[in-house]
């Protein structure tokens, strides 16, 4: 069986979706392949997100801020799940995804918007990471029967509700 393909979306694709992609690829054990994109990509990965990704063992040279349009064209990887991690991306009109993947919203506060000193900014990024990690761990713990067909969307949304 091929791995499940998961696309994490946010507006800028600079922090939260990058962290979610990194976590799922690091923890998914090959059962999942994660990607990330944005509706209006910032064009850069936030330095603190890159720092955290490196700590997780990710080759950060492979991370980049990109448009969700890359995943809605012929030849793009077929997604099984599309998960928004910011409220603004969840409310936008998304492209029509090939294969009609299951969708869910896992809203996470944006650590990029936190002002203050470096300690406060690091704490915001760590909080986002912990929220996403709990959700990713619940996702990878789901049996295949909960990830197929009509139950997939409910399973993904239940993860967000269980970790608020």
C-alpha atoms as a PDB file:
ATOM      1  CA  UNK A   1       0.000   0.000   0.000  1.00  0.00           C
ATOM      2  CA  UNK A   2       1.295   3.464  -0.836  1.00  0.00           C
ATOM      3  CA  UNK A   3       1.778   5.976   1.960  1.00  0.00           C
ATOM      4  CA  UNK A   4      -0.915   8.516   2.762  1.00  0.00           C
ATOM      5  CA  UNK A   5      -0.148  11.929   1.256  1.00  0.00           C
ATOM      6  CA  UNK A   6      -0.986  14.916   3.458  1.00  0.00           C
ATOM      7  CA  UNK A   7      -0.921  18.588   2.482  1.00  0.00           C
ATOM      8  CA  UNK A   8      -0.802  21.144   5.299  1.00  0.00           C
ATOM      9  CA  UNK A   9      -2.035  24.609   4.313  1.00  0.00           C
ATOM     10  CA  UNK A  10      -1.762  28.069   5.773  1.00  0.00           C
ATOM     11  CA  UNK A  11      -1.736  31.485   4.212  1.00  0.00           C
ATOM     12  CA  UNK A  12       1.992  32.285   4.182  1.00  0.00           C
ATOM     13  CA  UNK A  13       3.481  28.767   4.310  1.00  0.00           C
ATOM     14  CA  UNK A  14       6.293  30.080   6.459  1.00  0.00           C
ATOM     15  CA  UNK A  15       5.817  28.560   9.924  1.00  0.00           C
ATOM     16  CA  UNK A  16       2.836  26.424  11.020  1.00  0.00           C
ATOM     17  CA  UNK A  17       2.372  24.421   7.836  1.00  0.00           C
ATOM     18  CA  UNK A  18       6.154  24.002   7.549  1.00  0.00           C
ATOM     19  CA  UNK A  19       6.291  22.669  11.130  1.00  0.00           C
ATOM     20  CA  UNK A  20       3.382  20.283  10.492  1.00  0.00           C
ATOM     21  CA  UNK A  21       5.051  18.973   7.328  1.00  0.00           C
ATOM     22  CA  UNK A  22       8.330  18.461   9.186  1.00  0.00           C
ATOM     23  CA  UNK A  23       6.682  16.713  12.131  1.00  0.00           C
ATOM     24  CA  UNK A  24       4.652  14.285  10.063  1.00  0.00           C
ATOM     25  CA  UNK A  25       7.613  13.394   7.859  1.00  0.00           C
ATOM     26  CA  UNK A  26       9.800  12.882  10.962  1.00  0.00           C
ATOM     27  CA  UNK A  27       7.262  10.870  12.969  1.00  0.00           C
ATOM     28  CA  UNK A  28       5.163   9.185  10.265  1.00  0.00           C
ATOM     29  CA  UNK A  29       7.487   6.246   9.785  1.00  0.00           C
ATOM     30  CA  UNK A  30       7.051   6.210   6.021  1.00  0.00           C
ATOM     31  CA  UNK A  31       3.313   5.591   6.378  1.00  0.00           C
ATOM     32  CA  UNK A  32       2.714   9.272   5.606  1.00  0.00           C
ATOM     33  CA  UNK A  33       4.346  11.719   3.214  1.00  0.00           C
ATOM     34  CA  UNK A  34       3.706  15.338   4.160  1.00  0.00           C
ATOM     35  CA  UNK A  35       3.847  18.518   2.135  1.00  0.00           C
ATOM     36  CA  UNK A  36       2.982  22.128   2.901  1.00  0.00           C
ATOM     37  CA  UNK A  37       1.856  25.137   0.903  1.00  0.00           C
ATOM     38  CA  UNK A  38       0.161  28.499   1.235  1.00  0.00           C
ATOM     39  CA  UNK A  39      -2.605  30.434  -0.440  1.00  0.00           C
ATOM     40  CA  UNK A  40      -0.342  33.519  -0.481  1.00  0.00           C
ATOM     41  CA  UNK A  41       3.128  32.149   0.240  1.00  0.00           C
ATOM     42  CA  UNK A  42       5.541  34.535   1.904  1.00  0.00           C
ATOM     43  CA  UNK A  43       8.441  33.173  -0.121  1.00  0.00           C
ATOM     44  CA  UNK A  44      10.509  32.388   2.949  1.00  0.00           C
ATOM     45  CA  UNK A  45      10.580  29.929   5.812  1.00  0.00           C
ATOM     46  CA  UNK A  46      10.585  31.720   9.153  1.00  0.00           C
ATOM     47  CA  UNK A  47      14.032  31.336  10.772  1.00  0.00           C
ATOM     48  CA  UNK A  48      12.586  29.954  14.030  1.00  0.00           C
ATOM     49  CA  UNK A  49      10.552  27.375  12.096  1.00  0.00           C
ATOM     50  CA  UNK A  50      13.705  26.360  10.217  1.00  0.00           C
ATOM     51  CA  UNK A  51      15.599  26.111  13.511  1.00  0.00           C
ATOM     52  CA  UNK A  52      12.952  23.808  14.977  1.00  0.00           C
ATOM     53  CA  UNK A  53      12.830  21.735  11.788  1.00  0.00           C
ATOM     54  CA  UNK A  54      16.603  21.269  11.973  1.00  0.00           C
ATOM     55  CA  UNK A  55      16.284  20.146  15.603  1.00  0.00           C
ATOM     56  CA  UNK A  56      13.802  17.507  14.412  1.00  0.00           C
ATOM     57  CA  UNK A  57      16.404  16.205  11.983  1.00  0.00           C
ATOM     58  CA  UNK A  58      14.915  17.739   8.847  1.00  0.00           C
ATOM     59  CA  UNK A  59      17.142  18.738   5.961  1.00  0.00           C
ATOM     60  CA  UNK A  60      16.076  22.373   6.003  1.00  0.00           C
ATOM     61  CA  UNK A  61      17.554  23.000   2.566  1.00  0.00           C
ATOM     62  CA  UNK A  62      14.504  21.117   1.239  1.00  0.00           C
ATOM     63  CA  UNK A  63      11.984  23.392   2.982  1.00  0.00           C
ATOM     64  CA  UNK A  64      10.515  26.267   1.016  1.00  0.00           C
ATOM     65  CA  UNK A  65       7.479  28.492   1.051  1.00  0.00           C
ATOM     66  CA  UNK A  66       5.330  27.596  -1.956  1.00  0.00           C
ATOM     67  CA  UNK A  67       1.884  28.095  -3.428  1.00  0.00           C
ATOM     68  CA  UNK A  68      -0.893  25.582  -3.067  1.00  0.00           C
ATOM     69  CA  UNK A  69      -1.270  25.836  -6.846  1.00  0.00           C
ATOM     70  CA  UNK A  70       1.706  23.462  -7.159  1.00  0.00           C
ATOM     71  CA  UNK A  71      -0.478  20.694  -5.736  1.00  0.00           C
ATOM     72  CA  UNK A  72      -3.582  21.305  -7.842  1.00  0.00           C
ATOM     73  CA  UNK A  73      -2.075  20.628 -11.270  1.00  0.00           C
ATOM     74  CA  UNK A  74      -1.817  17.435 -13.294  1.00  0.00           C
ATOM     75  CA  UNK A  75       1.217  15.441 -12.228  1.00  0.00           C
ATOM     76  CA  UNK A  76       1.201  16.736  -8.651  1.00  0.00           C
ATOM     77  CA  UNK A  77       1.178  14.123  -5.896  1.00  0.00           C
ATOM     78  CA  UNK A  78      -2.362  12.875  -5.224  1.00  0.00           C
ATOM     79  CA  UNK A  79      -3.360  13.991  -1.740  1.00  0.00           C
ATOM     80  CA  UNK A  80      -5.344  11.850   0.644  1.00  0.00           C
ATOM     81  CA  UNK A  81      -5.768  14.611   3.220  1.00  0.00           C
ATOM     82  CA  UNK A  82      -5.727  18.408   3.139  1.00  0.00           C
ATOM     83  CA  UNK A  83      -5.373  20.026   6.570  1.00  0.00           C
ATOM     84  CA  UNK A  84      -5.512  23.780   7.130  1.00  0.00           C
ATOM     85  CA  UNK A  85      -3.589  25.038  10.149  1.00  0.00           C
ATOM     86  CA  UNK A  86      -4.613  28.699  10.074  1.00  0.00           C
ATOM     87  CA  UNK A  87      -8.048  30.227  10.241  1.00  0.00           C
ATOM     88  CA  UNK A  88      -7.648  32.492   7.212  1.00  0.00           C
ATOM     89  CA  UNK A  89      -6.625  29.629   4.897  1.00  0.00           C
ATOM     90  CA  UNK A  90      -9.554  27.584   6.192  1.00  0.00           C
ATOM     91  CA  UNK A  91     -11.937  30.320   5.067  1.00  0.00           C
ATOM     92  CA  UNK A  92     -10.490  30.781   1.593  1.00  0.00           C
ATOM     93  CA  UNK A  93     -11.726  29.189  -1.597  1.00  0.00           C
ATOM     94  CA  UNK A  94      -9.289  26.369  -2.179  1.00  0.00           C
ATOM     95  CA  UNK A  95      -8.374  24.896  -5.532  1.00  0.00           C
ATOM     96  CA  UNK A  96     -10.207  21.794  -6.666  1.00  0.00           C
ATOM     97  CA  UNK A  97      -7.970  19.024  -5.431  1.00  0.00           C
ATOM     98  CA  UNK A  98      -7.580  15.987  -7.679  1.00  0.00           C
ATOM     99  CA  UNK A  99      -9.028  12.861  -6.098  1.00  0.00           C
ATOM    100  CA  UNK A 100     -11.256  14.758  -3.623  1.00  0.00           C
ATOM    101  CA  UNK A 101      -9.096  14.296  -0.495  1.00  0.00           C
ATOM    102  CA  UNK A 102     -10.568  14.390   2.999  1.00  0.00           C
ATOM    103  CA  UNK A 103     -10.230  17.845   4.554  1.00  0.00           C
ATOM    104  CA  UNK A 104     -10.017  19.151   8.104  1.00  0.00           C
ATOM    105  CA  UNK A 105      -9.092  22.313   9.980  1.00  0.00           C
ATOM    106  CA  UNK A 106      -6.459  22.156  12.729  1.00  0.00           C
ATOM    107  CA  UNK A 107      -6.255  25.833  13.662  1.00  0.00           C
ATOM    108  CA  UNK A 108      -3.085  26.854  15.494  1.00  0.00           C
ATOM    109  CA  UNK A 109      -2.273  30.408  16.666  1.00  0.00           C
ATOM    110  CA  UNK A 110       0.297  32.062  14.415  1.00  0.00           C
ATOM    111  CA  UNK A 111       3.640  32.302  16.217  1.00  0.00           C
ATOM    112  CA  UNK A 112       4.901  34.778  13.612  1.00  0.00           C
ATOM    113  CA  UNK A 113       2.523  37.456  14.914  1.00  0.00           C
ATOM    114  CA  UNK A 114       3.874  37.297  18.475  1.00  0.00           C
ATOM    115  CA  UNK A 115       5.768  40.429  19.391  1.00  0.00           C
ATOM    116  CA  UNK A 116       8.221  40.921  22.169  1.00  0.00           C
ATOM    117  CA  UNK A 117      11.641  39.639  22.961  1.00  0.00           C
ATOM    118  CA  UNK A 118      13.314  36.519  21.629  1.00  0.00           C
ATOM    119  CA  UNK A 119      12.124  34.441  24.593  1.00  0.00           C
ATOM    120  CA  UNK A 120       8.477  35.283  23.873  1.00  0.00           C
ATOM    121  CA  UNK A 121       8.884  34.522  20.176  1.00  0.00           C
ATOM    122  CA  UNK A 122      10.597  31.184  20.877  1.00  0.00           C
ATOM    123  CA  UNK A 123       7.832  30.292  23.340  1.00  0.00           C
ATOM    124  CA  UNK A 124       5.170  30.989  20.691  1.00  0.00           C
ATOM    125  CA  UNK A 125       6.914  28.749  18.163  1.00  0.00           C
ATOM    126  CA  UNK A 126       7.339  25.989  20.757  1.00  0.00           C
ATOM    127  CA  UNK A 127       3.645  26.222  21.679  1.00  0.00           C
ATOM    128  CA  UNK A 128       2.657  25.864  18.012  1.00  0.00           C
ATOM    129  CA  UNK A 129       5.039  22.929  17.680  1.00  0.00           C
ATOM    130  CA  UNK A 130       3.576  21.165  20.727  1.00  0.00           C
ATOM    131  CA  UNK A 131      -0.003  21.599  19.488  1.00  0.00           C
ATOM    132  CA  UNK A 132       0.909  20.290  16.054  1.00  0.00           C
ATOM    133  CA  UNK A 133       2.931  17.420  17.521  1.00  0.00           C
ATOM    134  CA  UNK A 134      -0.039  16.226  19.632  1.00  0.00           C
ATOM    135  CA  UNK A 135      -2.228  16.267  16.541  1.00  0.00           C
ATOM    136  CA  UNK A 136       0.318  14.542  14.319  1.00  0.00           C
ATOM    137  CA  UNK A 137       0.838  11.836  16.952  1.00  0.00           C
ATOM    138  CA  UNK A 138      -2.914  11.228  17.066  1.00  0.00           C
ATOM    139  CA  UNK A 139      -3.029  11.077  13.266  1.00  0.00           C
ATOM    140  CA  UNK A 140      -0.266   8.490  12.984  1.00  0.00           C
ATOM    141  CA  UNK A 141      -1.898   6.410  15.728  1.00  0.00           C
ATOM    142  CA  UNK A 142      -5.120   6.034  13.706  1.00  0.00           C
ATOM    143  CA  UNK A 143      -5.629   2.624  12.108  1.00  0.00           C
ATOM    144  CA  UNK A 144      -6.023   2.525   8.334  1.00  0.00           C
ATOM    145  CA  UNK A 145      -9.743   1.804   8.688  1.00  0.00           C
ATOM    146  CA  UNK A 146     -10.187   5.265  10.278  1.00  0.00           C
ATOM    147  CA  UNK A 147      -8.272   6.947   7.450  1.00  0.00           C
ATOM    148  CA  UNK A 148     -10.195   5.558   4.517  1.00  0.00           C
ATOM    149  CA  UNK A 149     -13.341   6.703   2.807  1.00  0.00           C
ATOM    150  CA  UNK A 150     -16.047   8.580   4.602  1.00  0.00           C
ATOM    151  CA  UNK A 151     -14.573   8.186   8.087  1.00  0.00           C
ATOM    152  CA  UNK A 152     -11.338  10.038   7.249  1.00  0.00           C
ATOM    153  CA  UNK A 153     -12.751  13.565   7.488  1.00  0.00           C
ATOM    154  CA  UNK A 154     -14.445  12.843  10.807  1.00  0.00           C
ATOM    155  CA  UNK A 155     -11.254  11.261  12.163  1.00  0.00           C
ATOM    156  CA  UNK A 156      -9.132  14.250  11.157  1.00  0.00           C
ATOM    157  CA  UNK A 157     -11.571  16.771  12.599  1.00  0.00           C
ATOM    158  CA  UNK A 158     -11.872  14.802  15.844  1.00  0.00           C
ATOM    159  CA  UNK A 159      -8.127  15.209  16.335  1.00  0.00           C
ATOM    160  CA  UNK A 160      -8.476  18.996  16.302  1.00  0.00           C
ATOM    161  CA  UNK A 161     -11.423  18.921  18.678  1.00  0.00           C
ATOM    162  CA  UNK A 162      -9.643  16.587  21.098  1.00  0.00           C
ATOM    163  CA  UNK A 163      -6.604  18.882  21.338  1.00  0.00           C
ATOM    164  CA  UNK A 164      -8.143  22.329  21.808  1.00  0.00           C
END
